[in-house]
C-alpha cells in the first residue's frame, strides 16, 4: 500500500476486500474461536482456502489488528496473542 489513507476504507479504487476495514473484518472471523498471534493469523490468511481475493502481508495485517484495537474490538493477551473483546 502506497497511500495508507486511501487503503483504510473501500472506495472506487479500492475494493472492500482489499481495504484495511475489510481485512480487519475478516481477521475478526479468524479470532472468533481462539486468540492467535500475528504469525498464526498470517499463516491462516496465506492458506490456499482463504476467502480473501488477495494475500495481505505482515504490515497490512498489523494495521488491520491495530484498527481492531483502536475501535475496542480486540486486545492483546499474554503471549502476544490477539483476542476479541466480548
PDB file of N, CA and C in Angstrom:
ATOM      1  N   UNK A   1       0.843  -1.178   0.000  1.00  0.00           N
ATOM      2  CA  UNK A   1       0.000   0.000   0.000  1.00  0.00           C
ATOM      3  C   UNK A   1       0.883   1.234   0.000  1.00  0.00           C
ATOM      4  N   UNK A   2       0.664   2.092  -0.952  1.00  0.00           N
ATOM      5  CA  UNK A   2       1.471   3.295  -1.005  1.00  0.00           C
ATOM      6  C   UNK A   2       0.805   4.460  -0.294  1.00  0.00           C
ATOM      7  N   UNK A   3      -0.500   4.500  -0.284  1.00  0.00           N
ATOM      8  CA  UNK A   3      -1.218   5.596   0.361  1.00  0.00           C
ATOM      9  C   UNK A   3      -2.150   5.014   1.416  1.00  0.00           C
ATOM     10  N   UNK A   4      -1.711   5.056   2.666  1.00  0.00           N
ATOM     11  CA  UNK A   4      -2.463   4.453   3.756  1.00  0.00           C
ATOM     12  C   UNK A   4      -3.868   5.016   3.860  1.00  0.00           C
ATOM     13  N   UNK A   5      -4.002   6.329   3.728  1.00  0.00           N
ATOM     14  CA  UNK A   5      -5.326   6.934   3.875  1.00  0.00           C
ATOM     15  C   UNK A   5      -6.303   6.448   2.810  1.00  0.00           C
ATOM     16  N   UNK A   6      -5.810   6.049   1.658  1.00  0.00           N
ATOM     17  CA  UNK A   6      -6.676   5.529   0.608  1.00  0.00           C
ATOM     18  C   UNK A   6      -7.009   4.057   0.813  1.00  0.00           C
ATOM     19  N   UNK A   7      -6.221   3.352   1.595  1.00  0.00           N
ATOM     20  CA  UNK A   7      -6.414   1.915   1.766  1.00  0.00           C
ATOM     21  C   UNK A   7      -7.255   1.556   2.984  1.00  0.00           C
ATOM     22  N   UNK A   8      -7.533   2.519   3.857  1.00  0.00           N
ATOM     23  CA  UNK A   8      -8.272   2.202   5.076  1.00  0.00           C
ATOM     24  C   UNK A   8      -9.696   1.788   4.760  1.00  0.00           C
ATOM     25  N   UNK A   9     -10.411   2.592   4.033  1.00  0.00           N
ATOM     26  CA  UNK A   9     -11.809   2.306   3.716  1.00  0.00           C
ATOM     27  C   UNK A   9     -11.964   2.059   2.220  1.00  0.00           C
ATOM     28  N   UNK A  10     -12.935   1.238   1.854  1.00  0.00           N
ATOM     29  CA  UNK A  10     -13.148   0.988   0.428  1.00  0.00           C
ATOM     30  C   UNK A  10     -13.663   2.239  -0.280  1.00  0.00           C
ATOM     31  N   UNK A  11     -13.326   2.373  -1.539  1.00  0.00           N
ATOM     32  CA  UNK A  11     -13.851   3.450  -2.372  1.00  0.00           C
ATOM     33  C   UNK A  11     -13.731   3.001  -3.811  1.00  0.00           C
ATOM     34  N   UNK A  12     -13.863   3.887  -4.756  1.00  0.00           N
ATOM     35  CA  UNK A  12     -13.916   3.476  -6.158  1.00  0.00           C
ATOM     36  C   UNK A  12     -12.639   2.808  -6.656  1.00  0.00           C
ATOM     37  N   UNK A  13     -11.505   3.036  -6.010  1.00  0.00           N
ATOM     38  CA  UNK A  13     -10.250   2.434  -6.457  1.00  0.00           C
ATOM     39  C   UNK A  13      -9.790   1.261  -5.588  1.00  0.00           C
ATOM     40  N   UNK A  14     -10.412   1.086  -4.434  1.00  0.00           N
ATOM     41  CA  UNK A  14     -10.052   0.003  -3.512  1.00  0.00           C
ATOM     42  C   UNK A  14     -11.308  -0.810  -3.212  1.00  0.00           C
ATOM     43  N   UNK A  15     -11.259  -2.100  -3.540  1.00  0.00           N
ATOM     44  CA  UNK A  15     -12.396  -2.967  -3.224  1.00  0.00           C
ATOM     45  C   UNK A  15     -12.462  -3.184  -1.717  1.00  0.00           C
ATOM     46  N   UNK A  16     -13.651  -3.516  -1.224  1.00  0.00           N
ATOM     47  CA  UNK A  16     -13.829  -3.740   0.207  1.00  0.00           C
ATOM     48  C   UNK A  16     -12.864  -4.803   0.717  1.00  0.00           C
ATOM     49  N   UNK A  17     -12.714  -5.892  -0.016  1.00  0.00           N
ATOM     50  CA  UNK A  17     -11.843  -6.990   0.419  1.00  0.00           C
ATOM     51  C   UNK A  17     -10.381  -6.566   0.495  1.00  0.00           C
ATOM     52  N   UNK A  18      -9.995  -5.541  -0.248  1.00  0.00           N
ATOM     53  CA  UNK A  18      -8.609  -5.070  -0.246  1.00  0.00           C
ATOM     54  C   UNK A  18      -8.371  -3.917   0.728  1.00  0.00           C
ATOM     55  N   UNK A  19      -9.415  -3.431   1.381  1.00  0.00           N
ATOM     56  CA  UNK A  19      -9.263  -2.320   2.321  1.00  0.00           C
ATOM     57  C   UNK A  19      -8.877  -2.852   3.701  1.00  0.00           C
ATOM     58  N   UNK A  20      -8.323  -1.996   4.528  1.00  0.00           N
ATOM     59  CA  UNK A  20      -7.981  -2.406   5.891  1.00  0.00           C
ATOM     60  C   UNK A  20      -9.228  -2.724   6.701  1.00  0.00           C
ATOM     61  N   UNK A  21     -10.317  -2.026   6.441  1.00  0.00           N
ATOM     62  CA  UNK A  21     -11.577  -2.313   7.133  1.00  0.00           C
ATOM     63  C   UNK A  21     -12.054  -3.718   6.765  1.00  0.00           C
ATOM     64  N   UNK A  22     -11.974  -4.060   5.490  1.00  0.00           N
ATOM     65  CA  UNK A  22     -12.365  -5.400   5.055  1.00  0.00           C
ATOM     66  C   UNK A  22     -11.473  -6.474   5.650  1.00  0.00           C
ATOM     67  N   UNK A  23     -10.169  -6.231   5.654  1.00  0.00           N
ATOM     68  CA  UNK A  23      -9.230  -7.188   6.237  1.00  0.00           C
ATOM     69  C   UNK A  23      -9.482  -7.335   7.738  1.00  0.00           C
ATOM     70  N   UNK A  24      -9.719  -6.228   8.429  1.00  0.00           N
ATOM     71  CA  UNK A  24      -9.995  -6.283   9.870  1.00  0.00           C
ATOM     72  C   UNK A  24     -11.257  -7.098  10.142  1.00  0.00           C
ATOM     73  N   UNK A  25     -12.260  -6.938   9.312  1.00  0.00           N
ATOM     74  CA  UNK A  25     -13.482  -7.731   9.467  1.00  0.00           C
ATOM     75  C   UNK A  25     -13.218  -9.214   9.294  1.00  0.00           C
ATOM     76  N   UNK A  26     -12.399  -9.556   8.313  1.00  0.00           N
ATOM     77  CA  UNK A  26     -12.070 -10.965   8.092  1.00  0.00           C
ATOM     78  C   UNK A  26     -11.222 -11.512   9.241  1.00  0.00           C
ATOM     79  N   UNK A  27     -10.315 -10.706   9.757  1.00  0.00           N
ATOM     80  CA  UNK A  27      -9.493 -11.128  10.895  1.00  0.00           C
ATOM     81  C   UNK A  27     -10.380 -11.410  12.104  1.00  0.00           C
ATOM     82  N   UNK A  28     -11.436 -10.640  12.275  1.00  0.00           N
ATOM     83  CA  UNK A  28     -12.378 -10.891  13.379  1.00  0.00           C
ATOM     84  C   UNK A  28     -12.960 -12.291  13.291  1.00  0.00           C
ATOM     85  N   UNK A  29     -13.262 -12.749  12.070  1.00  0.00           N
ATOM     86  CA  UNK A  29     -13.811 -14.104  11.928  1.00  0.00           C
ATOM     87  C   UNK A  29     -12.770 -15.157  12.301  1.00  0.00           C
ATOM     88  N   UNK A  30     -11.494 -14.872  12.025  1.00  0.00           N
ATOM     89  CA  UNK A  30     -10.434 -15.815  12.376  1.00  0.00           C
ATOM     90  C   UNK A  30     -10.192 -15.862  13.883  1.00  0.00           C
ATOM     91  N   UNK A  31     -10.506 -14.782  14.567  1.00  0.00           N
ATOM     92  CA  UNK A  31     -10.304 -14.717  16.015  1.00  0.00           C
ATOM     93  C   UNK A  31     -11.519 -15.204  16.799  1.00  0.00           C
ATOM     94  N   UNK A  32     -12.582 -15.556  16.118  1.00  0.00           N
ATOM     95  CA  UNK A  32     -13.829 -15.911  16.792  1.00  0.00           C
ATOM     96  C   UNK A  32     -13.696 -17.149  17.676  1.00  0.00           C
ATOM     97  N   UNK A  33     -12.873 -18.111  17.276  1.00  0.00           N
ATOM     98  CA  UNK A  33     -12.790 -19.350  18.050  1.00  0.00           C
ATOM     99  C   UNK A  33     -11.675 -19.355  19.093  1.00  0.00           C
ATOM    100  N   UNK A  34     -10.603 -18.577  18.876  1.00  0.00           N
ATOM    101  CA  UNK A  34      -9.499 -18.571  19.840  1.00  0.00           C
ATOM    102  C   UNK A  34      -8.564 -17.399  19.565  1.00  0.00           C
ATOM    103  N   UNK A  35      -7.882 -16.902  20.608  1.00  0.00           N
ATOM    104  CA  UNK A  35      -6.862 -15.870  20.390  1.00  0.00           C
ATOM    105  C   UNK A  35      -5.715 -16.433  19.557  1.00  0.00           C
ATOM    106  N   UNK A  36      -5.088 -15.577  18.756  1.00  0.00           N
ATOM    107  CA  UNK A  36      -3.994 -16.015  17.888  1.00  0.00           C
ATOM    108  C   UNK A  36      -2.898 -14.950  17.863  1.00  0.00           C
ATOM    109  N   UNK A  37      -1.685 -15.386  17.553  1.00  0.00           N
ATOM    110  CA  UNK A  37      -0.588 -14.447  17.345  1.00  0.00           C
ATOM    111  C   UNK A  37      -0.692 -13.896  15.924  1.00  0.00           C
ATOM    112  N   UNK A  38       0.066 -12.845  15.646  1.00  0.00           N
ATOM    113  CA  UNK A  38       0.084 -12.304  14.284  1.00  0.00           C
ATOM    114  C   UNK A  38       0.610 -13.336  13.293  1.00  0.00           C
ATOM    115  N   UNK A  39       1.605 -14.111  13.698  1.00  0.00           N
ATOM    116  CA  UNK A  39       2.143 -15.148  12.812  1.00  0.00           C
ATOM    117  C   UNK A  39       1.090 -16.204  12.491  1.00  0.00           C
ATOM    118  N   UNK A  40       0.310 -16.595  13.484  1.00  0.00           N
ATOM    119  CA  UNK A  40      -0.756 -17.576  13.248  1.00  0.00           C
ATOM    120  C   UNK A  40      -1.824 -17.005  12.321  1.00  0.00           C
ATOM    121  N   UNK A  41      -2.172 -15.740  12.527  1.00  0.00           N
ATOM    122  CA  UNK A  41      -3.157 -15.102  11.653  1.00  0.00           C
ATOM    123  C   UNK A  41      -2.642 -15.021  10.222  1.00  0.00           C
ATOM    124  N   UNK A  42      -1.387 -14.631  10.063  1.00  0.00           N
ATOM    125  CA  UNK A  42      -0.813 -14.526   8.723  1.00  0.00           C
ATOM    126  C   UNK A  42      -0.786 -15.891   8.039  1.00  0.00           C
ATOM    127  N   UNK A  43      -0.453 -16.936   8.783  1.00  0.00           N
ATOM    128  CA  UNK A  43      -0.447 -18.286   8.208  1.00  0.00           C
ATOM    129  C   UNK A  43      -1.844 -18.677   7.730  1.00  0.00           C
ATOM    130  N   UNK A  44      -2.870 -18.304   8.482  1.00  0.00           N
ATOM    131  CA  UNK A  44      -4.238 -18.610   8.060  1.00  0.00           C
ATOM    132  C   UNK A  44      -4.631 -17.805   6.830  1.00  0.00           C
ATOM    133  N   UNK A  45      -4.188 -16.557   6.767  1.00  0.00           N
ATOM    134  CA  UNK A  45      -4.514 -15.721   5.611  1.00  0.00           C
ATOM    135  C   UNK A  45      -3.804 -16.190   4.347  1.00  0.00           C
ATOM    136  N   UNK A  46      -2.663 -16.841   4.497  1.00  0.00           N
ATOM    137  CA  UNK A  46      -1.893 -17.301   3.338  1.00  0.00           C
ATOM    138  C   UNK A  46      -2.313 -18.682   2.852  1.00  0.00           C
ATOM    139  N   UNK A  47      -3.228 -19.326   3.559  1.00  0.00           N
ATOM    140  CA  UNK A  47      -3.683 -20.657   3.142  1.00  0.00           C
ATOM    141  C   UNK A  47      -4.415 -20.566   1.809  1.00  0.00           C
ATOM    142  N   UNK A  48      -4.316 -21.593   0.990  1.00  0.00           N
ATOM    143  CA  UNK A  48      -4.997 -21.582  -0.316  1.00  0.00           C
ATOM    144  C   UNK A  48      -6.520 -21.489  -0.203  1.00  0.00           C
ATOM    145  N   UNK A  49      -7.084 -21.973   0.897  1.00  0.00           N
ATOM    146  CA  UNK A  49      -8.543 -21.933   1.056  1.00  0.00           C
ATOM    147  C   UNK A  49      -9.035 -20.654   1.741  1.00  0.00           C
ATOM    148  N   UNK A  50      -8.151 -19.674   1.908  1.00  0.00           N
ATOM    149  CA  UNK A  50      -8.544 -18.382   2.472  1.00  0.00           C
ATOM    150  C   UNK A  50      -9.555 -17.712   1.543  1.00  0.00           C
ATOM    151  N   UNK A  51     -10.538 -17.046   2.119  1.00  0.00           N
ATOM    152  CA  UNK A  51     -11.603 -16.424   1.334  1.00  0.00           C
ATOM    153  C   UNK A  51     -11.233 -15.058   0.768  1.00  0.00           C
ATOM    154  N   UNK A  52     -10.057 -14.540   1.117  1.00  0.00           N
ATOM    155  CA  UNK A  52      -9.651 -13.230   0.606  1.00  0.00           C
ATOM    156  C   UNK A  52      -9.138 -13.340  -0.828  1.00  0.00           C
ATOM    157  N   UNK A  53      -9.483 -12.382  -1.682  1.00  0.00           N
ATOM    158  CA  UNK A  53      -9.008 -12.427  -3.068  1.00  0.00           C
ATOM    159  C   UNK A  53      -7.515 -12.127  -3.212  1.00  0.00           C
ATOM    160  N   UNK A  54      -6.946 -11.386  -2.265  1.00  0.00           N
ATOM    161  CA  UNK A  54      -5.506 -11.095  -2.311  1.00  0.00           C
ATOM    162  C   UNK A  54      -4.890 -11.511  -0.982  1.00  0.00           C
ATOM    163  N   UNK A  55      -3.590 -11.683  -0.972  1.00  0.00           N
ATOM    164  CA  UNK A  55      -2.894 -12.110   0.239  1.00  0.00           C
ATOM    165  C   UNK A  55      -2.206 -10.911   0.881  1.00  0.00           C
ATOM    166  N   UNK A  56      -2.684 -10.490   2.063  1.00  0.00           N
ATOM    167  CA  UNK A  56      -2.044  -9.358   2.738  1.00  0.00           C
ATOM    168  C   UNK A  56      -0.682  -9.750   3.290  1.00  0.00           C
ATOM    169  N   UNK A  57       0.184  -8.758   3.444  1.00  0.00           N
ATOM    170  CA  UNK A  57       1.482  -9.012   4.061  1.00  0.00           C
ATOM    171  C   UNK A  57       1.391  -8.703   5.560  1.00  0.00           C
ATOM    172  N   UNK A  58       2.490  -8.896   6.260  1.00  0.00           N
ATOM    173  CA  UNK A  58       2.501  -8.694   7.712  1.00  0.00           C
ATOM    174  C   UNK A  58       2.174  -7.250   8.079  1.00  0.00           C
ATOM    175  N   UNK A  59       2.634  -6.296   7.291  1.00  0.00           N
ATOM    176  CA  UNK A  59       2.343  -4.889   7.567  1.00  0.00           C
ATOM    177  C   UNK A  59       0.857  -4.584   7.496  1.00  0.00           C
ATOM    178  N   UNK A  60       0.198  -5.092   6.484  1.00  0.00           N
ATOM    179  CA  UNK A  60      -1.247  -4.877   6.346  1.00  0.00           C
ATOM    180  C   UNK A  60      -2.005  -5.566   7.474  1.00  0.00           C
ATOM    181  N   UNK A  61      -1.575  -6.772   7.837  1.00  0.00           N
ATOM    182  CA  UNK A  61      -2.213  -7.479   8.947  1.00  0.00           C
ATOM    183  C   UNK A  61      -2.038  -6.702  10.246  1.00  0.00           C
ATOM    184  N   UNK A  62      -0.843  -6.193  10.493  1.00  0.00           N
ATOM    185  CA  UNK A  62      -0.593  -5.419  11.711  1.00  0.00           C
ATOM    186  C   UNK A  62      -1.472  -4.171  11.751  1.00  0.00           C
ATOM    187  N   UNK A  63      -1.647  -3.517  10.619  1.00  0.00           N
ATOM    188  CA  UNK A  63      -2.521  -2.340  10.573  1.00  0.00           C
ATOM    189  C   UNK A  63      -3.977  -2.719  10.819  1.00  0.00           C
ATOM    190  N   UNK A  64      -4.417  -3.846  10.286  1.00  0.00           N
ATOM    191  CA  UNK A  64      -5.797  -4.293  10.496  1.00  0.00           C
ATOM    192  C   UNK A  64      -6.033  -4.621  11.971  1.00  0.00           C
ATOM    193  N   UNK A  65      -5.070  -5.288  12.610  1.00  0.00           N
ATOM    194  CA  UNK A  65      -5.199  -5.605  14.037  1.00  0.00           C
ATOM    195  C   UNK A  65      -5.152  -4.322  14.864  1.00  0.00           C
ATOM    196  N   UNK A  66      -4.322  -3.376  14.471  1.00  0.00           N
ATOM    197  CA  UNK A  66      -4.273  -2.081  15.156  1.00  0.00           C
ATOM    198  C   UNK A  66      -5.607  -1.361  15.038  1.00  0.00           C
ATOM    199  N   UNK A  67      -6.235  -1.452  13.885  1.00  0.00           N
ATOM    200  CA  UNK A  67      -7.561  -0.860  13.697  1.00  0.00           C
ATOM    201  C   UNK A  67      -8.572  -1.511  14.639  1.00  0.00           C
ATOM    202  N   UNK A  68      -8.556  -2.837  14.747  1.00  0.00           N
ATOM    203  CA  UNK A  68      -9.456  -3.528  15.679  1.00  0.00           C
ATOM    204  C   UNK A  68      -9.197  -3.084  17.116  1.00  0.00           C
ATOM    205  N   UNK A  69      -7.929  -2.936  17.485  1.00  0.00           N
ATOM    206  CA  UNK A  69      -7.568  -2.474  18.823  1.00  0.00           C
ATOM    207  C   UNK A  69      -8.062  -1.042  19.050  1.00  0.00           C
ATOM    208  N   UNK A  70      -7.892  -0.190  18.054  1.00  0.00           N
ATOM    209  CA  UNK A  70      -8.264   1.227  18.187  1.00  0.00           C
ATOM    210  C   UNK A  70      -9.762   1.414  18.386  1.00  0.00           C
ATOM    211  N   UNK A  71     -10.565   0.547  17.801  1.00  0.00           N
ATOM    212  CA  UNK A  71     -12.021   0.689  17.958  1.00  0.00           C
ATOM    213  C   UNK A  71     -12.555  -0.156  19.115  1.00  0.00           C
ATOM    214  N   UNK A  72     -11.649  -0.792  19.855  1.00  0.00           N
ATOM    215  CA  UNK A  72     -12.049  -1.560  21.028  1.00  0.00           C
ATOM    216  C   UNK A  72     -12.606  -2.936  20.726  1.00  0.00           C
ATOM    217  N   UNK A  73     -12.333  -3.470  19.547  1.00  0.00           N
ATOM    218  CA  UNK A  73     -12.857  -4.783  19.168  1.00  0.00           C
ATOM    219  C   UNK A  73     -11.894  -5.914  19.499  1.00  0.00           C
ATOM    220  N   UNK A  74     -10.631  -5.599  19.777  1.00  0.00           N
ATOM    221  CA  UNK A  74      -9.628  -6.626  20.079  1.00  0.00           C
ATOM    222  C   UNK A  74      -8.657  -6.088  21.119  1.00  0.00           C
ATOM    223  N   UNK A  75      -7.970  -7.019  21.768  1.00  0.00           N
ATOM    224  CA  UNK A  75      -6.946  -6.649  22.747  1.00  0.00           C
ATOM    225  C   UNK A  75      -5.840  -7.688  22.714  1.00  0.00           C
ATOM    226  N   UNK A  76      -4.696  -7.329  23.289  1.00  0.00           N
ATOM    227  CA  UNK A  76      -3.570  -8.257  23.396  1.00  0.00           C
ATOM    228  C   UNK A  76      -3.669  -9.020  24.709  1.00  0.00           C
ATOM    229  N   UNK A  77      -3.316 -10.300  24.672  1.00  0.00           N
ATOM    230  CA  UNK A  77      -3.310 -11.127  25.870  1.00  0.00           C
ATOM    231  C   UNK A  77      -1.878 -11.554  26.167  1.00  0.00           C
ATOM    232  N   UNK A  78      -1.725 -12.357  27.192  1.00  0.00           N
ATOM    233  CA  UNK A  78      -0.405 -12.923  27.496  1.00  0.00           C
ATOM    234  C   UNK A  78       0.078 -13.727  26.302  1.00  0.00           C
ATOM    235  N   UNK A  79       1.355 -13.687  26.064  1.00  0.00           N
ATOM    236  CA  UNK A  79       1.914 -14.413  24.934  1.00  0.00           C
ATOM    237  C   UNK A  79       1.728 -13.690  23.617  1.00  0.00           C
ATOM    238  N   UNK A  80       1.442 -12.395  23.667  1.00  0.00           N
ATOM    239  CA  UNK A  80       1.266 -11.575  22.461  1.00  0.00           C
ATOM    240  C   UNK A  80       0.196 -12.121  21.523  1.00  0.00           C
ATOM    241  N   UNK A  81      -0.859 -12.651  22.083  1.00  0.00           N
ATOM    242  CA  UNK A  81      -1.985 -13.125  21.279  1.00  0.00           C
ATOM    243  C   UNK A  81      -3.029 -12.022  21.192  1.00  0.00           C
ATOM    244  N   UNK A  82      -3.732 -12.016  20.087  1.00  0.00           N
ATOM    245  CA  UNK A  82      -4.815 -11.062  19.870  1.00  0.00           C
ATOM    246  C   UNK A  82      -6.117 -11.806  20.115  1.00  0.00           C
ATOM    247  N   UNK A  83      -7.008 -11.202  20.908  1.00  0.00           N
ATOM    248  CA  UNK A  83      -8.312 -11.819  21.136  1.00  0.00           C
ATOM    249  C   UNK A  83      -9.400 -10.777  20.962  1.00  0.00           C
ATOM    250  N   UNK A  84     -10.589 -11.247  20.647  1.00  0.00           N
ATOM    251  CA  UNK A  84     -11.728 -10.352  20.507  1.00  0.00           C
ATOM    252  C   UNK A  84     -12.204  -9.904  21.878  1.00  0.00           C
ATOM    253  N   UNK A  85     -12.723  -8.699  21.945  1.00  0.00           N
ATOM    254  CA  UNK A  85     -13.321  -8.180  23.167  1.00  0.00           C
ATOM    255  C   UNK A  85     -14.803  -8.516  23.112  1.00  0.00           C
ATOM    256  N   UNK A  86     -15.298  -9.112  24.182  1.00  0.00           N
ATOM    257  CA  UNK A  86     -16.709  -9.539  24.207  1.00  0.00           C
ATOM    258  C   UNK A  86     -17.661  -8.381  24.279  1.00  0.00           C
TER     259      UNK A  86
END
